[in-house]
Amino acid sequence: MQFRKAGPILICMTLIRYAMAFLFRSLPGAAGLLLPMLAAAQVAPLKYQLTGDLGLGVYGTQSVIRSKESETRLLPYGFFDYGRLAVRVDTLSLKTVQFGYGYLELAGRVSQDGWRADTAALSGLKDRKTPIPLGIGTFQETPYGALFLNAFVDANKSHGSLLEATYAAEFKVGSWSFFPQLGLEYSNAKYNNYLYGVSAAESAASGFSVYNAGASTSPVLGLGVDVPLGEPWTLTMQLRRKWLDSSVRNSPLLSRRTQDTGFIAVSYRFR
């Protein structure tokens, strides 16, 4: 795909089309099941009243870079809607036109993919700036579970693209709610090579072999849990594991084949 002369809206629309095709190719029969549902979908009108969870959470991200420690941060937590505004943990969205069981949305993501070459083992390498993913997506809350589709372009240094498709179900055990998740994440060569590639100049300065990272497709499994703490408070936990594609994990900069992320948050549930 060539995006050099395309405007940002055209880029995002092209990416979401690829994301839909990517999902349907990867999950056989999904198109045949999803399209009739979207055609018959009914969406509740927008309400300018906060509904959902807002609180504080501890977030953990496992580093895949050699000699880098995993990071833990105390940050706000949100999974709520307010009119056209939607906050879904690390994704901020603005709803536009109705689409199926949700809306076509302009979206931005808080990324944790950047890293600093501030250890002795990474001497001679340049820092990798944290991506700023901006794009388009949709959240489809269907009778059969929730579907998240997003397509992003990094507005920071890499200018690479990201596509993701995630399905989440819900079941209850007593008062606890469980949310198993299954997803696929695609990132193109430009994105991966910026974060995990090694240029000739860096190779000469650091001793790492030259490496050009290609595009990648990674499966993701996750589980979320909601535990009532007494109205209106809720404890939310989530753990996700991503299996790294060979084009990424073969980089000499990496020390792991998988990456775990998660959080635990206490929030006020607005109804």
C-alpha atoms as a PDB file:
ATOM      1  CA  MET A   1       0.000   0.000   0.000  1.00  0.00           C
ATOM      2  CA  GLN A   2       1.270   3.451  -0.937  1.00  0.00           C
ATOM      3  CA  PHE A   3       0.111   6.275   1.337  1.00  0.00           C
ATOM      4  CA  ARG A   4       2.663   9.007   0.616  1.00  0.00           C
ATOM      5  CA  LYS A   5       0.279  11.214  -1.382  1.00  0.00           C
ATOM      6  CA  ALA A   6      -2.939  10.223   0.376  1.00  0.00           C
ATOM      7  CA  GLY A   7      -4.712  12.344   2.968  1.00  0.00           C
ATOM      8  CA  PRO A   8      -5.144  11.024   6.543  1.00  0.00           C
ATOM      9  CA  ILE A   9      -8.858  10.259   6.136  1.00  0.00           C
ATOM     10  CA  LEU A  10      -8.217   8.272   2.950  1.00  0.00           C
ATOM     11  CA  ILE A  11      -5.414   6.385   4.704  1.00  0.00           C
ATOM     12  CA  CYS A  12      -7.654   5.485   7.642  1.00  0.00           C
ATOM     13  CA  MET A  13     -10.575   4.421   5.447  1.00  0.00           C
ATOM     14  CA  THR A  14      -8.220   2.196   3.420  1.00  0.00           C
ATOM     15  CA  LEU A  15      -6.833   0.668   6.612  1.00  0.00           C
ATOM     16  CA  ILE A  16     -10.250  -0.136   8.085  1.00  0.00           C
ATOM     17  CA  ARG A  17     -11.174  -1.841   4.798  1.00  0.00           C
ATOM     18  CA  TYR A  18      -8.039  -3.956   5.106  1.00  0.00           C
ATOM     19  CA  ALA A  19      -8.862  -4.635   8.755  1.00  0.00           C
ATOM     20  CA  MET A  20     -12.299  -5.967   7.848  1.00  0.00           C
ATOM     21  CA  ALA A  21     -10.849  -8.146   5.076  1.00  0.00           C
ATOM     22  CA  PHE A  22      -8.096  -9.314   7.444  1.00  0.00           C
ATOM     23  CA  LEU A  23     -10.658 -10.372  10.052  1.00  0.00           C
ATOM     24  CA  PHE A  24     -12.857 -12.204   7.571  1.00  0.00           C
ATOM     25  CA  ARG A  25      -9.926 -14.089   6.022  1.00  0.00           C
ATOM     26  CA  SER A  26      -8.554 -15.035   9.443  1.00  0.00           C
ATOM     27  CA  LEU A  27     -11.826 -16.129  11.015  1.00  0.00           C
ATOM     28  CA  PRO A  28     -13.609 -18.324   8.441  1.00  0.00           C
ATOM     29  CA  GLY A  29     -17.330 -17.678   8.172  1.00  0.00           C
ATOM     30  CA  ALA A  30     -17.154 -14.406  10.103  1.00  0.00           C
ATOM     31  CA  ALA A  31     -18.327 -12.325   7.168  1.00  0.00           C
ATOM     32  CA  GLY A  32     -21.372 -14.521   6.594  1.00  0.00           C
ATOM     33  CA  LEU A  33     -22.349 -14.242  10.246  1.00  0.00           C
ATOM     34  CA  LEU A  34     -21.513 -10.582  10.789  1.00  0.00           C
ATOM     35  CA  LEU A  35     -22.952  -8.830   7.754  1.00  0.00           C
ATOM     36  CA  PRO A  36     -26.596  -9.942   8.266  1.00  0.00           C
ATOM     37  CA  MET A  37     -26.352  -8.904  11.922  1.00  0.00           C
ATOM     38  CA  LEU A  38     -25.045  -5.453  10.992  1.00  0.00           C
ATOM     39  CA  ALA A  39     -27.879  -4.950   8.532  1.00  0.00           C
ATOM     40  CA  ALA A  40     -30.501  -5.727  11.179  1.00  0.00           C
ATOM     41  CA  ALA A  41     -28.781  -3.951  14.067  1.00  0.00           C
ATOM     42  CA  GLN A  42     -30.581  -1.540  16.373  1.00  0.00           C
ATOM     43  CA  VAL A  43     -28.498   1.059  18.241  1.00  0.00           C
ATOM     44  CA  ALA A  44     -29.731   3.039  21.241  1.00  0.00           C
ATOM     45  CA  PRO A  45     -29.756   6.823  20.696  1.00  0.00           C
ATOM     46  CA  LEU A  46     -26.814   8.825  22.009  1.00  0.00           C
ATOM     47  CA  LYS A  47     -27.190  10.067  25.575  1.00  0.00           C
ATOM     48  CA  TYR A  48     -25.133  12.905  26.979  1.00  0.00           C
ATOM     49  CA  GLN A  49     -24.896  11.204  30.327  1.00  0.00           C
ATOM     50  CA  LEU A  50     -21.813   9.367  31.545  1.00  0.00           C
ATOM     51  CA  THR A  51     -22.389   5.609  31.611  1.00  0.00           C
ATOM     52  CA  GLY A  52     -19.690   3.089  32.455  1.00  0.00           C
ATOM     53  CA  ASP A  53     -16.609   2.893  34.675  1.00  0.00           C
ATOM     54  CA  LEU A  54     -14.224   5.656  35.734  1.00  0.00           C
ATOM     55  CA  GLY A  55     -11.460   5.184  38.281  1.00  0.00           C
ATOM     56  CA  LEU A  56      -7.774   4.498  38.866  1.00  0.00           C
ATOM     57  CA  GLY A  57      -5.669   1.530  37.789  1.00  0.00           C
ATOM     58  CA  VAL A  58      -2.218  -0.045  37.944  1.00  0.00           C
ATOM     59  CA  TYR A  59      -1.014  -1.038  34.465  1.00  0.00           C
ATOM     60  CA  GLY A  60       1.776  -3.483  33.702  1.00  0.00           C
ATOM     61  CA  THR A  61       3.591  -3.934  30.379  1.00  0.00           C
ATOM     62  CA  GLN A  62       6.178  -6.661  29.888  1.00  0.00           C
ATOM     63  CA  SER A  63       9.166  -5.422  27.905  1.00  0.00           C
ATOM     64  CA  VAL A  64      10.337  -7.597  25.011  1.00  0.00           C
ATOM     65  CA  ILE A  65      13.587  -5.637  24.532  1.00  0.00           C
ATOM     66  CA  ARG A  66      16.826  -7.107  25.863  1.00  0.00           C
ATOM     67  CA  SER A  67      17.904  -5.754  29.273  1.00  0.00           C
ATOM     68  CA  LYS A  68      14.747  -3.639  29.647  1.00  0.00           C
ATOM     69  CA  GLU A  69      12.588  -4.101  32.738  1.00  0.00           C
ATOM     70  CA  SER A  70       8.833  -4.440  32.638  1.00  0.00           C
ATOM     71  CA  GLU A  71       6.986  -1.220  33.431  1.00  0.00           C
ATOM     72  CA  THR A  72       4.248  -0.541  35.973  1.00  0.00           C
ATOM     73  CA  ARG A  73       2.276   2.705  35.975  1.00  0.00           C
ATOM     74  CA  LEU A  74      -0.509   4.211  38.071  1.00  0.00           C
ATOM     75  CA  LEU A  75      -2.930   5.849  35.631  1.00  0.00           C
ATOM     76  CA  PRO A  76      -6.603   6.759  35.271  1.00  0.00           C
ATOM     77  CA  TYR A  77      -8.909   3.946  34.179  1.00  0.00           C
ATOM     78  CA  GLY A  78     -11.985   4.383  32.053  1.00  0.00           C
ATOM     79  CA  PHE A  79     -14.457   2.298  30.083  1.00  0.00           C
ATOM     80  CA  PHE A  80     -17.391   4.624  29.509  1.00  0.00           C
ATOM     81  CA  ASP A  81     -19.492   6.575  27.021  1.00  0.00           C
ATOM     82  CA  TYR A  82     -20.647  10.163  27.084  1.00  0.00           C
ATOM     83  CA  GLY A  83     -22.633  11.096  24.008  1.00  0.00           C
ATOM     84  CA  ARG A  84     -20.246  10.801  21.067  1.00  0.00           C
ATOM     85  CA  LEU A  85     -17.206  10.363  23.307  1.00  0.00           C
ATOM     86  CA  ALA A  86     -16.072   6.838  24.180  1.00  0.00           C
ATOM     87  CA  VAL A  87     -13.142   5.792  26.383  1.00  0.00           C
ATOM     88  CA  ARG A  88     -12.145   2.101  26.271  1.00  0.00           C
ATOM     89  CA  VAL A  89      -9.132   1.653  28.564  1.00  0.00           C
ATOM     90  CA  ASP A  90      -6.306   2.781  26.226  1.00  0.00           C
ATOM     91  CA  THR A  91      -8.432   3.971  23.283  1.00  0.00           C
ATOM     92  CA  LEU A  92     -10.214   7.325  22.996  1.00  0.00           C
ATOM     93  CA  SER A  93     -12.900   7.510  20.300  1.00  0.00           C
ATOM     94  CA  LEU A  94     -15.302  10.019  18.789  1.00  0.00           C
ATOM     95  CA  LYS A  95     -18.446   8.458  17.312  1.00  0.00           C
ATOM     96  CA  THR A  96     -19.499   9.690  13.865  1.00  0.00           C
ATOM     97  CA  VAL A  97     -22.152   7.889  11.772  1.00  0.00           C
ATOM     98  CA  GLN A  98     -24.096   4.823  12.900  1.00  0.00           C
ATOM     99  CA  PHE A  99     -22.590   1.570  11.677  1.00  0.00           C
ATOM    100  CA  GLY A 100     -24.137  -1.808  12.503  1.00  0.00           C
ATOM    101  CA  TYR A 101     -24.380  -2.287  16.271  1.00  0.00           C
ATOM    102  CA  GLY A 102     -22.271   0.785  16.931  1.00  0.00           C
ATOM    103  CA  TYR A 103     -20.679   3.722  15.181  1.00  0.00           C
ATOM    104  CA  LEU A 104     -17.835   4.477  12.830  1.00  0.00           C
ATOM    105  CA  GLU A 105     -15.348   6.209  15.117  1.00  0.00           C
ATOM    106  CA  LEU A 106     -12.294   8.444  14.934  1.00  0.00           C
ATOM    107  CA  ALA A 107      -9.851   6.864  17.366  1.00  0.00           C
ATOM    108  CA  GLY A 108      -6.549   7.411  19.144  1.00  0.00           C
ATOM    109  CA  ARG A 109      -4.530   4.944  21.183  1.00  0.00           C
ATOM    110  CA  VAL A 110      -2.192   5.306  24.175  1.00  0.00           C
ATOM    111  CA  SER A 111       0.760   3.156  23.072  1.00  0.00           C
ATOM    112  CA  GLN A 112       3.426   1.482  25.211  1.00  0.00           C
ATOM    113  CA  ASP A 113       5.593   0.298  22.299  1.00  0.00           C
ATOM    114  CA  GLY A 114       8.389   2.869  22.475  1.00  0.00           C
ATOM    115  CA  TRP A 115      11.612   2.296  24.432  1.00  0.00           C
ATOM    116  CA  ARG A 116      14.819   4.050  25.452  1.00  0.00           C
ATOM    117  CA  ALA A 117      18.293   2.683  24.736  1.00  0.00           C
ATOM    118  CA  ASP A 118      19.439   3.563  28.256  1.00  0.00           C
ATOM    119  CA  THR A 119      21.102   0.317  29.361  1.00  0.00           C
ATOM    120  CA  ALA A 120      24.667  -0.877  28.757  1.00  0.00           C
ATOM    121  CA  ALA A 121      23.408  -3.764  26.611  1.00  0.00           C
ATOM    122  CA  LEU A 122      21.704  -1.302  24.234  1.00  0.00           C
ATOM    123  CA  SER A 123      24.640   1.080  23.908  1.00  0.00           C
ATOM    124  CA  GLY A 124      25.021   2.366  20.356  1.00  0.00           C
ATOM    125  CA  LEU A 125      21.297   2.158  19.566  1.00  0.00           C
ATOM    126  CA  LYS A 126      18.905   5.073  19.197  1.00  0.00           C
ATOM    127  CA  ASP A 127      15.811   5.579  21.345  1.00  0.00           C
ATOM    128  CA  ARG A 128      12.545   4.446  19.754  1.00  0.00           C
ATOM    129  CA  LYS A 129       9.905   7.125  20.179  1.00  0.00           C
ATOM    130  CA  THR A 130       6.557   5.949  21.507  1.00  0.00           C
ATOM    131  CA  PRO A 131       4.058   5.659  18.631  1.00  0.00           C
ATOM    132  CA  ILE A 132       1.006   7.921  18.475  1.00  0.00           C
ATOM    133  CA  PRO A 133      -1.629   5.707  16.781  1.00  0.00           C
ATOM    134  CA  LEU A 134      -4.454   7.707  15.182  1.00  0.00           C
ATOM    135  CA  GLY A 135      -7.113   6.296  12.917  1.00  0.00           C
ATOM    136  CA  ILE A 136     -10.574   4.896  12.626  1.00  0.00           C
ATOM    137  CA  GLY A 137     -12.483   2.028  14.211  1.00  0.00           C
ATOM    138  CA  THR A 138     -15.748   0.633  15.475  1.00  0.00           C
ATOM    139  CA  PHE A 139     -17.089  -1.091  18.590  1.00  0.00           C
ATOM    140  CA  GLN A 140     -19.880  -3.540  17.755  1.00  0.00           C
ATOM    141  CA  GLU A 141     -21.857  -4.676  20.812  1.00  0.00           C
ATOM    142  CA  THR A 142     -23.819  -7.543  19.253  1.00  0.00           C
ATOM    143  CA  PRO A 143     -26.146 -10.139  20.835  1.00  0.00           C
ATOM    144  CA  TYR A 144     -23.291 -12.630  20.431  1.00  0.00           C
ATOM    145  CA  GLY A 145     -20.510 -10.620  22.057  1.00  0.00           C
ATOM    146  CA  ALA A 146     -18.474  -7.500  21.370  1.00  0.00           C
ATOM    147  CA  LEU A 147     -16.285  -6.897  18.332  1.00  0.00           C
ATOM    148  CA  PHE A 148     -13.530  -4.259  18.285  1.00  0.00           C
ATOM    149  CA  LEU A 149     -12.049  -3.236  14.908  1.00  0.00           C
ATOM    150  CA  ASN A 150      -9.379  -0.549  14.675  1.00  0.00           C
ATOM    151  CA  ALA A 151      -6.999   0.737  12.014  1.00  0.00           C
ATOM    152  CA  PHE A 152      -4.239   3.157  13.002  1.00  0.00           C
ATOM    153  CA  VAL A 153      -1.377   5.089  11.458  1.00  0.00           C
ATOM    154  CA  ASP A 154       1.517   6.106  13.721  1.00  0.00           C
ATOM    155  CA  ALA A 155       1.599   9.912  13.691  1.00  0.00           C
ATOM    156  CA  ASN A 156       5.025   9.889  15.364  1.00  0.00           C
ATOM    157  CA  LYS A 157       8.337   8.622  13.941  1.00  0.00           C
ATOM    158  CA  SER A 158       7.557   5.286  12.262  1.00  0.00           C
ATOM    159  CA  HIS A 159       4.516   6.379  10.182  1.00  0.00           C
ATOM    160  CA  GLY A 160       3.647   2.673  10.091  1.00  0.00           C
ATOM    161  CA  SER A 161       0.185   1.143  10.218  1.00  0.00           C
ATOM    162  CA  LEU A 162      -1.589  -1.078  12.754  1.00  0.00           C
ATOM    163  CA  LEU A 163      -4.732  -3.170  12.321  1.00  0.00           C
ATOM    164  CA  GLU A 164      -6.525  -5.099  15.042  1.00  0.00           C
ATOM    165  CA  ALA A 165      -9.628  -7.225  15.409  1.00  0.00           C
ATOM    166  CA  THR A 166     -10.766  -8.442  18.830  1.00  0.00           C
ATOM    167  CA  TYR A 167     -13.797 -10.480  19.870  1.00  0.00           C
ATOM    168  CA  ALA A 168     -14.917 -10.475  23.526  1.00  0.00           C
ATOM    169  CA  ALA A 169     -17.644 -12.631  25.076  1.00  0.00           C
ATOM    170  CA  GLU A 170     -19.214 -12.385  28.542  1.00  0.00           C
ATOM    171  CA  PHE A 171     -20.357 -14.954  31.070  1.00  0.00           C
ATOM    172  CA  LYS A 172     -21.167 -14.790  34.768  1.00  0.00           C
ATOM    173  CA  VAL A 173     -20.248 -16.950  37.741  1.00  0.00           C
ATOM    174  CA  GLY A 174     -22.262 -15.703  40.666  1.00  0.00           C
ATOM    175  CA  SER A 175     -21.805 -11.932  40.832  1.00  0.00           C
ATOM    176  CA  TRP A 176     -18.500 -12.033  38.922  1.00  0.00           C
ATOM    177  CA  SER A 177     -18.405 -11.268  35.189  1.00  0.00           C
ATOM    178  CA  PHE A 178     -15.767 -12.848  32.936  1.00  0.00           C
ATOM    179  CA  PHE A 179     -14.754 -11.540  29.496  1.00  0.00           C
ATOM    180  CA  PRO A 180     -12.650 -13.977  27.428  1.00  0.00           C
ATOM    181  CA  GLN A 181     -11.006 -12.271  24.449  1.00  0.00           C
ATOM    182  CA  LEU A 182      -9.589 -13.488  21.148  1.00  0.00           C
ATOM    183  CA  GLY A 183      -7.820 -11.168  18.742  1.00  0.00           C
ATOM    184  CA  LEU A 184      -5.414 -10.642  15.877  1.00  0.00           C
ATOM    185  CA  GLU A 185      -2.991  -7.731  15.515  1.00  0.00           C
ATOM    186  CA  TYR A 186      -1.246  -6.732  12.295  1.00  0.00           C
ATOM    187  CA  SER A 187       1.574  -4.196  11.980  1.00  0.00           C
ATOM    188  CA  ASN A 188       3.363  -3.367   8.753  1.00  0.00           C
ATOM    189  CA  ALA A 189       7.094  -3.463   8.059  1.00  0.00           C
ATOM    190  CA  LYS A 190       7.532   0.279   8.507  1.00  0.00           C
ATOM    191  CA  TYR A 191       6.125   0.129  12.043  1.00  0.00           C
ATOM    192  CA  ASN A 192       8.063  -2.994  13.061  1.00  0.00           C
ATOM    193  CA  ASN A 193      11.344  -1.983  11.493  1.00  0.00           C
ATOM    194  CA  TYR A 194      11.351   1.338  13.327  1.00  0.00           C
ATOM    195  CA  LEU A 195      10.840  -0.356  16.706  1.00  0.00           C
ATOM    196  CA  TYR A 196      12.796  -3.595  16.266  1.00  0.00           C
ATOM    197  CA  GLY A 197      15.082  -3.187  13.248  1.00  0.00           C
ATOM    198  CA  VAL A 198      18.824  -2.521  13.408  1.00  0.00           C
ATOM    199  CA  SER A 199      20.348  -0.186  10.816  1.00  0.00           C
ATOM    200  CA  ALA A 200      23.863  -0.543   9.450  1.00  0.00           C
ATOM    201  CA  ALA A 201      24.985   2.483  11.474  1.00  0.00           C
ATOM    202  CA  GLU A 202      23.490   1.065  14.677  1.00  0.00           C
ATOM    203  CA  SER A 203      25.054  -2.303  13.959  1.00  0.00           C
ATOM    204  CA  ALA A 204      28.510  -0.739  13.680  1.00  0.00           C
ATOM    205  CA  ALA A 205      28.002   1.222  16.913  1.00  0.00           C
ATOM    206  CA  SER A 206      26.358  -1.505  19.000  1.00  0.00           C
ATOM    207  CA  GLY A 207      27.581  -4.858  17.700  1.00  0.00           C
ATOM    208  CA  PHE A 208      24.058  -6.107  16.966  1.00  0.00           C
ATOM    209  CA  SER A 209      23.547  -7.665  13.555  1.00  0.00           C
ATOM    210  CA  VAL A 210      21.767  -5.624  10.897  1.00  0.00           C
ATOM    211  CA  TYR A 211      18.089  -6.573  10.917  1.00  0.00           C
ATOM    212  CA  ASN A 212      15.124  -5.483   8.812  1.00  0.00           C
ATOM    213  CA  ALA A 213      11.816  -6.395  10.419  1.00  0.00           C
ATOM    214  CA  GLY A 214       8.934  -7.245   8.119  1.00  0.00           C
ATOM    215  CA  ALA A 215       5.170  -7.083   8.583  1.00  0.00           C
ATOM    216  CA  SER A 216       3.675  -9.218  11.342  1.00  0.00           C
ATOM    217  CA  THR A 217       0.412 -10.872  12.358  1.00  0.00           C
ATOM    218  CA  SER A 218       0.124 -11.839  16.031  1.00  0.00           C
ATOM    219  CA  PRO A 219      -2.648 -13.738  17.841  1.00  0.00           C
ATOM    220  CA  VAL A 220      -3.792 -12.393  21.194  1.00  0.00           C
ATOM    221  CA  LEU A 221      -5.674 -14.098  24.024  1.00  0.00           C
ATOM    222  CA  GLY A 222      -7.024 -12.271  27.043  1.00  0.00           C
ATOM    223  CA  LEU A 223      -9.327 -12.478  30.017  1.00  0.00           C
ATOM    224  CA  GLY A 224     -11.074  -9.659  31.847  1.00  0.00           C
ATOM    225  CA  VAL A 225     -12.884  -9.963  35.172  1.00  0.00           C
ATOM    226  CA  ASP A 226     -15.334  -7.593  36.886  1.00  0.00           C
ATOM    227  CA  VAL A 227     -15.842  -8.046  40.634  1.00  0.00           C
ATOM    228  CA  PRO A 228     -18.541  -6.000  42.430  1.00  0.00           C
ATOM    229  CA  LEU A 229     -17.205  -4.248  45.532  1.00  0.00           C
ATOM    230  CA  GLY A 230     -20.569  -2.923  46.647  1.00  0.00           C
ATOM    231  CA  GLU A 231     -22.542  -0.375  44.674  1.00  0.00           C
ATOM    232  CA  PRO A 232     -21.357   1.594  42.836  1.00  0.00           C
ATOM    233  CA  TRP A 233     -17.731   0.380  43.050  1.00  0.00           C
ATOM    234  CA  THR A 234     -16.171  -2.298  40.809  1.00  0.00           C
ATOM    235  CA  LEU A 235     -12.829  -4.079  40.711  1.00  0.00           C
ATOM    236  CA  THR A 236     -11.686  -4.780  37.122  1.00  0.00           C
ATOM    237  CA  MET A 237      -8.763  -7.020  36.159  1.00  0.00           C
ATOM    238  CA  GLN A 238      -7.410  -7.931  32.749  1.00  0.00           C
ATOM    239  CA  LEU A 239      -4.500 -10.005  31.447  1.00  0.00           C
ATOM    240  CA  ARG A 240      -3.571 -10.374  27.765  1.00  0.00           C
ATOM    241  CA  ARG A 241      -0.841 -12.378  26.029  1.00  0.00           C
ATOM    242  CA  LYS A 242       0.409 -11.692  22.500  1.00  0.00           C
ATOM    243  CA  TRP A 243       2.435 -14.274  20.574  1.00  0.00           C
ATOM    244  CA  LEU A 244       5.011 -12.347  18.556  1.00  0.00           C
ATOM    245  CA  ASP A 245       5.350 -13.027  14.838  1.00  0.00           C
ATOM    246  CA  SER A 246       8.711 -14.383  13.660  1.00  0.00           C
ATOM    247  CA  SER A 247       9.423 -11.150  11.772  1.00  0.00           C
ATOM    248  CA  VAL A 248       9.515  -9.402  15.155  1.00  0.00           C
ATOM    249  CA  ARG A 249      10.826 -12.054  17.532  1.00  0.00           C
ATOM    250  CA  ASN A 250      13.812 -12.833  15.272  1.00  0.00           C
ATOM    251  CA  SER A 251      15.159  -9.336  15.858  1.00  0.00           C
ATOM    252  CA  PRO A 252      18.454  -9.393  17.804  1.00  0.00           C
ATOM    253  CA  LEU A 253      16.967  -6.711  20.063  1.00  0.00           C
ATOM    254  CA  LEU A 254      14.270  -9.017  21.442  1.00  0.00           C
ATOM    255  CA  SER A 255      14.519 -11.383  24.379  1.00  0.00           C
ATOM    256  CA  ARG A 256      11.017 -12.878  24.401  1.00  0.00           C
ATOM    257  CA  ARG A 257       8.613 -14.742  22.117  1.00  0.00           C
ATOM    258  CA  THR A 258       5.475 -13.449  23.856  1.00  0.00           C
ATOM    259  CA  GLN A 259       4.373 -10.237  25.548  1.00  0.00           C
ATOM    260  CA  ASP A 260       2.028  -9.966  28.528  1.00  0.00           C
ATOM    261  CA  THR A 261       0.089  -6.848  29.475  1.00  0.00           C
ATOM    262  CA  GLY A 262      -2.522  -6.274  32.144  1.00  0.00           C
ATOM    263  CA  PHE A 263      -4.097  -3.990  34.683  1.00  0.00           C
ATOM    264  CA  ILE A 264      -6.084  -3.938  37.888  1.00  0.00           C
ATOM    265  CA  ALA A 265      -8.413  -1.018  38.524  1.00  0.00           C
ATOM    266  CA  VAL A 266     -10.997   0.212  41.000  1.00  0.00           C
ATOM    267  CA  SER A 267     -13.734   2.324  39.467  1.00  0.00           C
ATOM    268  CA  TYR A 268     -17.039   4.043  40.076  1.00  0.00           C
ATOM    269  CA  ARG A 269     -19.759   2.616  37.841  1.00  0.00           C
ATOM    270  CA  PHE A 270     -22.080   5.260  36.400  1.00  0.00           C
ATOM    271  CA  ARG A 271     -25.456   3.915  35.251  1.00  0.00           C
END
